[in-house]
Amino acid sequence: MPDTDVPTYSMAERDRRWERARRLMAREGLDALLVFGEHEDAGPAPVSYDTWFTNGRPGTTVIFARDREPISLFPMELFMMDHLESSGRGDTMWIPPENVRMTRDSRAVVGTITELGLTSGTIGVVGLEPYPPWYPEGIVPHGLWNNVLAQLPGAEFKPAAPAFLQMIMAMSREEIAVVRHAAGIGDEMVRAMVDTARPGVPESEVYAAAMSAAHTRGTIVPGMHFWSGPEPLASGPPPWAYRPQAPRVLRDHDIISAEVFSHFGGRHTQHQVTIALGEVPEDLARAADIARAAYDAGLRALRPGRTFGEVVEEMREPAAAAGGWVFGPAVHGLNPMIGLSGFPGDIGRRPGAEAYPSVPDKATMLAGMRLEPGMSFAFEPNYAIGRHLAHIGGTVIVGEDEPVELNPYTARILRPGSPHTPRD
């Protein structure tokens, strides 16, 4: 049954956000913010900064003049119908009908900026910045942006994403409650996977058990990364999700390597999952010990005032001389997904990788970002010895003093039949 005791946002949360945006605009010398949101079916880590202003359906464009209320540009009429229906059911809508526009093409953007008297104003833009790995040069369409620039030659457009994204990353108590709820749903998804995973069961049944656990708890999740096999060394959707083929059937001594994404109320958690169907191979156990040491190092380092780069360096130390190789980043930001740990191009050491272009080392992004209470991070330390990959972890929040660990359940190798940890 769905959980009826779920956190919601108050109008005080709306006012807090809008006032913070106004202070940001004043500090940065901006007359307005222009915020582009990605469409609602974007999958994990969506670029949905529009919803921070609207608490609504993602996929809109928000224009927020410093001395006005935000205006939301809808992509189609169905958004208006949903807004109207929700209002009629008694939902509290942050954006009133008079602040809605019915398209979000370049004409609507230009028209709204003109209506607000900002044709000669200074406008901060969120959406032009890189958002790796999916958008190396931003989400704003080239044609739309060219038209805006051509039709508003007197306006000055400035990048506002770095300051804006770091501002919204430090969450309020109401937002933290929503993230906790998302984390709890994610844990239930993983428990359903562990309970379902058995030799002879198709991957799709394990996948479906996780989705059912999420949906029955009142949220829609965008899927997960899922691979299985005796020595899976991959990360992404299962091949049957994008290629016409049957799901693989689990076998004795298989390993399931998954990344579960839990979304609730516009806030996200991530859960790294390694499930062993049988005895844990020695190399996998050793790799898990190294990954766990990195996880614990991250917990010790995640303190207010420290930099993200310092956390990354301390999480990398356990793997430095362990004799195996690092599969991917150990930590990145959540809500929003900014800040990404660097990692060496060790993946090129995998057998067969010599046939592909060389893989360069990746530098840490936003290494100098100062940690503040309320920031959330995906802890996903990983390590491989030979072909045995351990990928563990979950979501952690910077606390006032100690870090808040939301998902200790997945910070270890899981085995069907072993007792679950108590629900937090």
Protein backbone atom coordinates (compact mmCIF):
# COMPACT_ATOMS: atom_id res chain seq x y z
CA MET A 1 0.00 0.00 0.00
CA PRO A 2 1.22 3.55 -0.65
CA ASP A 3 2.67 5.43 2.29
CA THR A 4 0.20 8.15 3.23
CA ASP A 5 2.61 9.82 5.66
CA VAL A 6 4.80 11.56 3.10
CA PRO A 7 6.63 14.89 3.32
CA THR A 8 5.34 17.84 1.32
CA TYR A 9 6.50 21.40 0.66
CA SER A 10 4.88 24.38 2.35
CA MET A 11 4.36 27.84 0.91
CA ALA A 12 7.08 28.93 3.32
CA GLU A 13 9.47 26.70 1.36
CA ARG A 14 8.37 28.38 -1.86
CA ASP A 15 8.94 31.82 -0.37
CA ARG A 16 12.34 30.77 0.99
CA ARG A 17 13.47 29.65 -2.45
CA TRP A 18 12.20 32.71 -4.27
CA GLU A 19 13.81 35.04 -1.73
CA ARG A 20 17.14 33.22 -2.04
CA ALA A 21 16.93 33.65 -5.83
CA ARG A 22 16.25 37.36 -5.41
CA ARG A 23 19.26 37.74 -3.14
CA LEU A 24 21.39 35.86 -5.67
CA MET A 25 20.25 38.21 -8.43
CA ALA A 26 21.05 41.25 -6.32
CA ARG A 27 24.47 39.88 -5.43
CA GLU A 28 25.32 38.99 -9.04
CA GLY A 29 23.94 42.23 -10.52
CA LEU A 30 21.12 40.50 -12.41
CA ASP A 31 17.70 41.88 -13.30
CA ALA A 32 16.26 38.42 -13.94
CA LEU A 33 16.99 34.71 -14.20
CA LEU A 34 16.20 32.66 -17.31
CA VAL A 35 16.13 28.97 -16.35
CA PHE A 36 15.73 26.19 -18.92
CA GLY A 37 14.35 22.84 -17.74
CA GLU A 38 14.88 19.50 -19.42
CA HIS A 39 11.87 17.46 -20.58
CA GLU A 40 10.18 15.23 -18.02
CA ASP A 41 11.28 11.88 -19.51
CA ALA A 42 14.99 12.66 -19.27
CA GLY A 43 15.90 9.73 -17.00
CA PRO A 44 18.42 9.78 -14.15
CA ALA A 45 19.99 13.09 -13.10
CA PRO A 46 17.60 15.31 -15.08
CA VAL A 47 18.38 18.98 -15.66
CA SER A 48 15.13 20.05 -14.00
CA TYR A 49 16.09 23.28 -12.26
CA ASP A 50 12.78 24.80 -13.34
CA THR A 51 11.01 22.70 -10.71
CA TRP A 52 12.99 24.39 -7.92
CA PHE A 53 10.89 27.48 -8.67
CA THR A 54 7.59 25.83 -9.58
CA ASN A 55 7.25 22.61 -7.54
CA GLY A 56 5.53 21.42 -10.69
CA ARG A 57 5.82 19.22 -13.73
CA PRO A 58 9.37 19.33 -15.15
CA GLY A 59 10.06 20.52 -18.66
CA THR A 60 9.23 24.22 -18.46
CA THR A 61 11.23 27.43 -18.85
CA VAL A 62 11.20 29.89 -15.94
CA ILE A 63 11.76 33.65 -16.25
CA PHE A 64 12.10 35.34 -12.87
CA ALA A 65 12.45 39.12 -12.76
CA ARG A 66 13.98 40.25 -9.49
CA ASP A 67 11.06 42.53 -8.59
CA ARG A 68 8.30 40.16 -9.76
CA GLU A 69 7.14 36.57 -9.29
CA PRO A 70 8.41 33.80 -11.60
CA ILE A 71 6.69 33.19 -14.92
CA SER A 72 6.55 29.60 -16.19
CA LEU A 73 6.56 28.88 -19.92
CA PHE A 74 4.80 25.57 -20.62
CA PRO A 75 5.84 23.37 -23.56
CA MET A 76 2.28 22.32 -24.49
CA GLU A 77 -1.38 22.71 -23.59
CA LEU A 78 -1.42 19.46 -21.59
CA PHE A 79 0.68 21.17 -18.91
CA MET A 80 -2.07 23.76 -18.52
CA MET A 81 -4.72 21.03 -18.25
CA ASP A 82 -2.71 19.26 -15.54
CA HIS A 83 -2.17 22.54 -13.67
CA LEU A 84 -5.91 23.27 -13.80
CA GLU A 85 -6.89 19.77 -12.70
CA SER A 86 -4.44 19.83 -9.78
CA SER A 87 -5.77 23.21 -8.69
CA GLY A 88 -9.33 21.85 -8.79
CA ARG A 89 -8.33 18.95 -6.57
CA GLY A 90 -7.01 21.28 -3.90
CA ASP A 91 -3.27 21.06 -4.57
CA THR A 92 -1.36 24.22 -3.70
CA MET A 93 0.12 25.60 -6.91
CA TRP A 94 3.21 27.75 -6.61
CA ILE A 95 2.68 29.41 -10.00
CA PRO A 96 -0.78 31.02 -10.44
CA PRO A 97 -2.53 30.89 -13.85
CA GLU A 98 -1.72 34.53 -14.64
CA ASN A 99 2.01 33.68 -14.49
CA VAL A 100 1.74 30.85 -17.01
CA ARG A 101 2.53 31.13 -20.73
CA MET A 102 1.51 28.46 -23.22
CA THR A 103 4.69 27.88 -25.21
CA ARG A 104 8.39 28.01 -24.47
CA ASP A 105 9.87 28.64 -27.90
CA SER A 106 12.07 31.63 -28.67
CA ARG A 107 9.04 33.85 -29.37
CA ALA A 108 7.66 33.11 -25.91
CA VAL A 109 11.02 33.77 -24.26
CA VAL A 110 11.49 37.05 -26.12
CA GLY A 111 7.87 38.05 -25.57
CA THR A 112 8.04 37.46 -21.82
CA ILE A 113 11.33 39.32 -21.43
CA THR A 114 9.82 42.21 -23.41
CA GLU A 115 6.64 42.13 -21.31
CA LEU A 116 8.78 42.41 -18.18
CA GLY A 117 10.58 45.48 -19.55
CA LEU A 118 13.96 43.75 -19.63
CA THR A 119 14.98 44.23 -23.26
CA SER A 120 17.97 46.22 -22.00
CA GLY A 121 18.40 44.27 -18.77
CA THR A 122 21.06 41.91 -17.46
CA ILE A 123 19.74 38.37 -17.39
CA GLY A 124 21.40 35.37 -15.78
CA VAL A 125 20.97 32.15 -17.74
CA VAL A 126 20.86 28.58 -16.40
CA GLY A 127 21.04 25.93 -19.12
CA LEU A 128 23.94 27.04 -21.32
CA GLU A 129 26.56 25.42 -19.07
CA PRO A 130 28.04 21.94 -19.63
CA TYR A 131 26.25 19.13 -17.83
CA PRO A 132 28.41 16.03 -18.26
CA PRO A 133 28.17 13.46 -19.54
CA TRP A 134 24.93 14.04 -21.42
CA TYR A 135 25.24 17.72 -22.34
CA PRO A 136 28.87 18.74 -22.83
CA GLU A 137 27.74 22.17 -24.06
CA GLY A 138 24.38 22.80 -22.36
CA ILE A 139 20.74 21.87 -22.91
CA VAL A 140 19.52 24.99 -24.74
CA PRO A 141 18.78 24.34 -28.45
CA HIS A 142 21.06 26.24 -30.84
CA GLY A 143 18.19 27.61 -32.95
CA LEU A 144 16.23 28.88 -29.95
CA TRP A 145 19.22 30.63 -28.44
CA ASN A 146 20.28 32.24 -31.72
CA ASN A 147 16.78 33.66 -32.13
CA VAL A 148 16.75 35.05 -28.59
CA LEU A 149 20.10 36.78 -29.10
CA ALA A 150 19.06 38.18 -32.49
CA GLN A 151 15.77 39.56 -31.21
CA LEU A 152 17.13 41.02 -27.96
CA PRO A 153 20.32 42.78 -29.01
CA GLY A 154 20.09 45.24 -26.12
CA ALA A 155 19.95 42.61 -23.38
CA GLU A 156 23.04 41.25 -21.67
CA PHE A 157 22.98 37.53 -20.95
CA LYS A 158 25.37 36.22 -18.31
CA PRO A 159 26.02 32.63 -17.17
CA ALA A 160 24.41 32.17 -13.77
CA ALA A 161 24.53 28.41 -13.30
CA PRO A 162 27.66 28.08 -11.10
CA ALA A 163 26.36 30.42 -8.40
CA PHE A 164 22.76 29.27 -8.73
CA LEU A 165 23.47 25.52 -8.56
CA GLN A 166 25.74 25.78 -5.53
CA MET A 167 23.10 27.95 -3.84
CA ILE A 168 20.31 25.39 -4.25
CA MET A 169 22.50 22.43 -3.28
CA ALA A 170 22.34 23.36 0.43
CA MET A 171 18.87 22.03 1.18
CA SER A 172 16.32 23.19 3.74
CA ARG A 173 14.79 20.92 6.39
CA GLU A 174 11.74 20.37 4.20
CA GLU A 175 13.93 19.35 1.27
CA ILE A 176 16.03 17.03 3.45
CA ALA A 177 12.83 15.31 4.60
CA VAL A 178 11.93 14.69 0.95
CA VAL A 179 15.40 13.28 0.24
CA ARG A 180 15.11 10.99 3.26
CA HIS A 181 11.82 9.71 1.89
CA ALA A 182 13.40 9.08 -1.52
CA ALA A 183 16.26 7.24 0.16
CA GLY A 184 13.84 5.02 2.05
CA ILE A 185 12.07 4.13 -1.19
CA GLY A 186 15.42 3.34 -2.79
CA ASP A 187 16.29 0.95 0.04
CA GLU A 188 12.96 -0.82 -0.39
CA MET A 189 13.70 -1.18 -4.11
CA VAL A 190 17.01 -2.86 -3.30
CA ARG A 191 15.45 -5.14 -0.69
CA ALA A 192 12.91 -6.26 -3.29
CA MET A 193 15.78 -7.05 -5.67
CA VAL A 194 17.60 -9.11 -3.04
CA ASP A 195 14.40 -11.00 -2.19
CA THR A 196 13.73 -11.81 -5.86
CA ALA A 197 17.23 -12.64 -7.13
CA ARG A 198 17.66 -16.41 -7.46
CA PRO A 199 19.25 -18.75 -10.02
CA GLY A 200 16.71 -19.42 -12.76
CA VAL A 201 15.03 -16.02 -12.43
CA PRO A 202 15.29 -13.64 -15.43
CA GLU A 203 16.96 -10.28 -14.87
CA SER A 204 13.66 -8.64 -15.82
CA GLU A 205 11.91 -10.08 -12.76
CA VAL A 206 14.50 -8.62 -10.41
CA TYR A 207 14.27 -5.30 -12.26
CA ALA A 208 10.45 -5.38 -12.09
CA ALA A 209 10.50 -6.11 -8.35
CA ALA A 210 12.45 -2.90 -7.78
CA MET A 211 10.12 -0.88 -9.98
CA SER A 212 7.06 -2.30 -8.21
CA ALA A 213 8.53 -1.40 -4.81
CA ALA A 214 8.91 2.19 -5.99
CA HIS A 215 5.56 2.53 -7.71
CA THR A 216 3.55 1.06 -4.84
CA ARG A 217 5.16 3.60 -2.54
CA GLY A 218 3.87 6.49 -4.60
CA THR A 219 6.66 7.50 -6.93
CA ILE A 220 7.76 7.00 -10.52
CA VAL A 221 11.44 6.21 -11.02
CA PRO A 222 13.33 6.46 -14.34
CA GLY A 223 14.81 2.97 -14.30
CA MET A 224 18.16 1.69 -13.14
CA HIS A 225 21.54 0.46 -14.28
CA PHE A 226 21.60 -3.33 -14.12
CA TRP A 227 24.04 -6.03 -15.23
CA SER A 228 24.50 -9.60 -14.12
CA GLY A 229 26.92 -12.46 -14.78
CA PRO A 230 29.79 -14.31 -13.15
CA GLU A 231 32.04 -11.24 -13.50
CA PRO A 232 30.01 -8.28 -14.80
CA LEU A 233 32.16 -5.27 -15.71
CA ALA A 234 29.65 -2.76 -17.04
CA SER A 235 27.36 0.02 -15.88
CA GLY A 236 24.18 1.10 -17.63
CA PRO A 237 20.69 -0.14 -18.48
CA PRO A 238 20.46 -3.86 -19.20
CA PRO A 239 20.99 -4.59 -22.91
CA TRP A 240 17.42 -5.82 -23.32
CA ALA A 241 16.26 -2.28 -22.46
CA TYR A 242 17.64 -0.93 -25.75
CA ARG A 243 18.41 -3.96 -27.95
CA PRO A 244 15.90 -6.59 -29.14
CA GLN A 245 16.92 -9.59 -27.04
CA ALA A 246 15.67 -11.66 -24.13
CA PRO A 247 16.66 -10.79 -20.57
CA ARG A 248 19.48 -12.90 -19.21
CA VAL A 249 18.53 -15.68 -16.75
CA LEU A 250 20.43 -15.64 -13.46
CA ARG A 251 22.72 -18.56 -12.61
CA ASP A 252 24.48 -19.97 -9.58
CA HIS A 253 27.37 -17.80 -8.38
CA ASP A 254 26.26 -14.79 -10.46
CA ILE A 255 26.89 -11.23 -9.38
CA ILE A 256 24.34 -8.47 -9.90
CA SER A 257 25.85 -5.02 -10.29
CA ALA A 258 23.23 -2.24 -10.26
CA GLU A 259 22.74 1.44 -9.66
CA VAL A 260 19.29 2.28 -8.34
CA PHE A 261 17.87 5.77 -8.81
CA SER A 262 15.06 6.85 -6.49
CA HIS A 263 13.17 10.04 -7.35
CA PHE A 264 10.55 11.60 -5.13
CA GLY A 265 9.15 15.12 -5.26
CA GLY A 266 11.92 16.42 -7.48
CA ARG A 267 14.67 15.13 -5.18
CA HIS A 268 16.92 12.20 -5.94
CA THR A 269 18.96 9.52 -4.21
CA GLN A 270 21.31 6.92 -5.64
CA HIS A 271 22.09 3.45 -4.35
CA GLN A 272 25.01 1.30 -5.54
CA VAL A 273 24.17 -2.39 -5.42
CA THR A 274 26.34 -5.52 -5.54
CA ILE A 275 24.42 -8.77 -4.95
CA ALA A 276 26.21 -12.13 -4.81
CA LEU A 277 24.20 -15.30 -5.61
CA GLY A 278 26.39 -17.67 -3.65
CA GLU A 279 29.67 -17.45 -1.85
CA VAL A 280 31.52 -14.19 -2.40
CA PRO A 281 34.67 -14.77 -4.51
CA GLU A 282 37.89 -13.90 -2.71
CA ASP A 283 38.86 -11.16 -5.18
CA LEU A 284 35.40 -9.62 -4.94
CA ALA A 285 35.58 -9.61 -1.14
CA ARG A 286 38.98 -7.90 -1.27
CA ALA A 287 37.66 -5.33 -3.76
CA ALA A 288 34.66 -4.67 -1.51
CA ASP A 289 36.95 -4.10 1.47
CA ILE A 290 38.83 -1.42 -0.50
CA ALA A 291 35.60 0.18 -1.68
CA ARG A 292 34.31 0.17 1.90
CA ALA A 293 37.53 1.78 3.13
CA ALA A 294 36.98 4.55 0.56
CA TYR A 295 33.37 4.94 1.73
CA ASP A 296 34.46 5.28 5.37
CA ALA A 297 37.17 7.77 4.39
CA GLY A 298 34.51 9.84 2.67
CA LEU A 299 32.34 9.81 5.78
CA ARG A 300 35.25 11.08 7.86
CA ALA A 301 36.02 13.83 5.35
CA LEU A 302 32.48 15.10 4.65
CA ARG A 303 32.38 18.04 7.04
CA PRO A 304 31.16 21.65 6.67
CA GLY A 305 33.93 23.99 5.57
CA ARG A 306 36.02 21.36 3.85
CA THR A 307 36.27 21.29 0.05
CA PHE A 308 34.79 18.71 -2.26
CA GLY A 309 38.28 18.07 -3.62
CA GLU A 310 39.55 17.15 -0.15
CA VAL A 311 36.79 14.56 0.18
CA VAL A 312 37.70 13.11 -3.22
CA GLU A 313 41.39 12.82 -2.39
CA GLU A 314 40.72 11.04 0.89
CA MET A 315 38.31 8.62 -0.78
CA ARG A 316 40.96 7.78 -3.40
CA GLU A 317 43.68 6.92 -0.89
CA PRO A 318 42.59 3.33 -0.07
CA ALA A 319 42.83 2.36 -3.75
CA ALA A 320 46.20 4.00 -4.37
CA ALA A 321 48.39 0.94 -3.78
CA ALA A 322 45.91 -1.93 -3.61
CA GLY A 323 46.95 -3.63 -6.86
CA GLY A 324 43.59 -3.45 -8.65
CA TRP A 325 41.90 -0.72 -10.63
CA VAL A 326 39.22 1.94 -10.25
CA PHE A 327 36.10 1.54 -12.38
CA GLY A 328 34.65 5.04 -12.14
CA PRO A 329 34.02 8.09 -9.93
CA ALA A 330 33.78 7.53 -6.19
CA VAL A 331 31.49 10.45 -5.31
CA HIS A 332 29.43 13.17 -6.93
CA GLY A 333 26.91 15.79 -5.92
CA LEU A 334 23.15 15.28 -5.87
CA ASN A 335 20.25 17.71 -5.89
CA PRO A 336 21.67 18.99 -8.21
CA MET A 337 24.26 16.64 -9.68
CA ILE A 338 27.25 18.97 -9.65
CA GLY A 339 30.73 18.17 -8.46
CA LEU A 340 32.19 14.91 -9.78
CA SER A 341 35.22 13.13 -8.44
CA GLY A 342 38.15 12.60 -10.73
CA PHE A 343 39.35 9.09 -11.44
CA PRO A 344 42.18 7.50 -13.39
CA GLY A 345 41.67 6.00 -16.82
CA ASP A 346 42.11 2.54 -15.29
CA ILE A 347 39.24 1.14 -17.32
CA GLY A 348 41.76 0.84 -20.15
CA ARG A 349 43.36 -1.98 -18.14
CA ARG A 350 40.36 -4.23 -18.68
CA PRO A 351 41.14 -7.15 -21.04
CA GLY A 352 40.00 -6.25 -24.54
CA ALA A 353 40.09 -2.49 -23.91
CA GLU A 354 43.22 -2.17 -26.02
CA ALA A 355 40.99 -2.32 -29.12
CA TYR A 356 39.33 0.97 -28.13
CA PRO A 357 40.66 4.55 -28.02
CA SER A 358 42.70 5.29 -24.91
CA VAL A 359 40.80 6.47 -21.85
CA PRO A 360 42.25 9.65 -20.28
CA ASP A 361 42.31 10.38 -16.58
CA LYS A 362 39.35 12.47 -15.42
CA ALA A 363 39.92 15.56 -13.30
CA THR A 364 37.69 16.41 -10.35
CA MET A 365 34.97 18.91 -11.18
CA LEU A 366 34.30 21.70 -8.62
CA ALA A 367 37.15 20.56 -6.39
CA GLY A 368 37.14 23.93 -4.65
CA MET A 369 33.44 23.85 -3.69
CA ARG A 370 33.03 24.42 0.05
CA LEU A 371 30.75 21.98 1.82
CA GLU A 372 27.70 23.33 3.61
CA PRO A 373 25.12 21.59 5.80
CA GLY A 374 22.28 20.23 3.69
CA MET A 375 24.35 19.32 0.62
CA SER A 376 23.74 15.78 -0.61
CA PHE A 377 26.20 13.44 -2.32
CA ALA A 378 26.14 10.04 -3.97
CA PHE A 379 28.86 7.94 -2.36
CA GLU A 380 29.66 5.24 -4.93
CA PRO A 381 33.18 3.92 -4.26
CA ASN A 382 34.17 1.09 -6.55
CA TYR A 383 37.15 -1.14 -7.06
CA ALA A 384 38.03 -4.06 -9.30
CA ILE A 385 40.55 -6.83 -8.81
CA GLY A 386 40.94 -8.64 -12.09
CA ARG A 387 37.38 -8.94 -13.38
CA HIS A 388 35.72 -8.80 -9.95
CA LEU A 389 34.08 -5.39 -9.43
CA ALA A 390 32.66 -4.20 -6.11
CA HIS A 391 30.41 -1.14 -6.37
CA ILE A 392 28.77 -0.08 -3.10
CA GLY A 393 27.30 2.98 -1.43
CA GLY A 394 24.34 5.30 -1.18
CA THR A 395 23.35 8.89 -0.42
CA VAL A 396 25.01 10.98 2.30
CA ILE A 397 24.10 14.50 3.47
CA VAL A 398 26.48 17.03 4.99
CA GLY A 399 25.31 17.53 8.57
CA GLU A 400 25.93 20.36 10.98
CA ASP A 401 28.80 18.28 12.37
CA GLU A 402 28.64 14.58 11.46
CA PRO A 403 27.52 13.41 8.00
CA VAL A 404 24.01 11.95 7.70
CA GLU A 405 24.29 8.47 6.15
CA LEU A 406 20.94 7.62 4.53
CA ASN A 407 21.71 4.20 3.02
CA PRO A 408 24.12 2.07 5.07
CA TYR A 409 22.20 -0.96 3.77
CA THR A 410 23.87 -0.78 0.34
CA ALA A 411 27.36 0.09 1.61
CA ARG A 412 28.30 -3.61 1.49
CA ILE A 413 27.87 -6.72 -0.63
CA LEU A 414 24.33 -8.11 -0.35
CA ARG A 415 23.30 -11.77 -0.51
CA PRO A 416 19.82 -13.32 -0.89
CA GLY A 417 18.79 -15.04 2.30
CA SER A 418 20.86 -12.82 4.54
CA PRO A 419 18.90 -10.70 7.03
CA HIS A 420 18.00 -7.19 6.02
CA THR A 421 19.18 -4.35 8.16
CA PRO A 422 16.40 -2.59 10.11
CA ARG A 423 14.56 0.19 8.28
CA ASP A 424 15.92 3.54 9.40
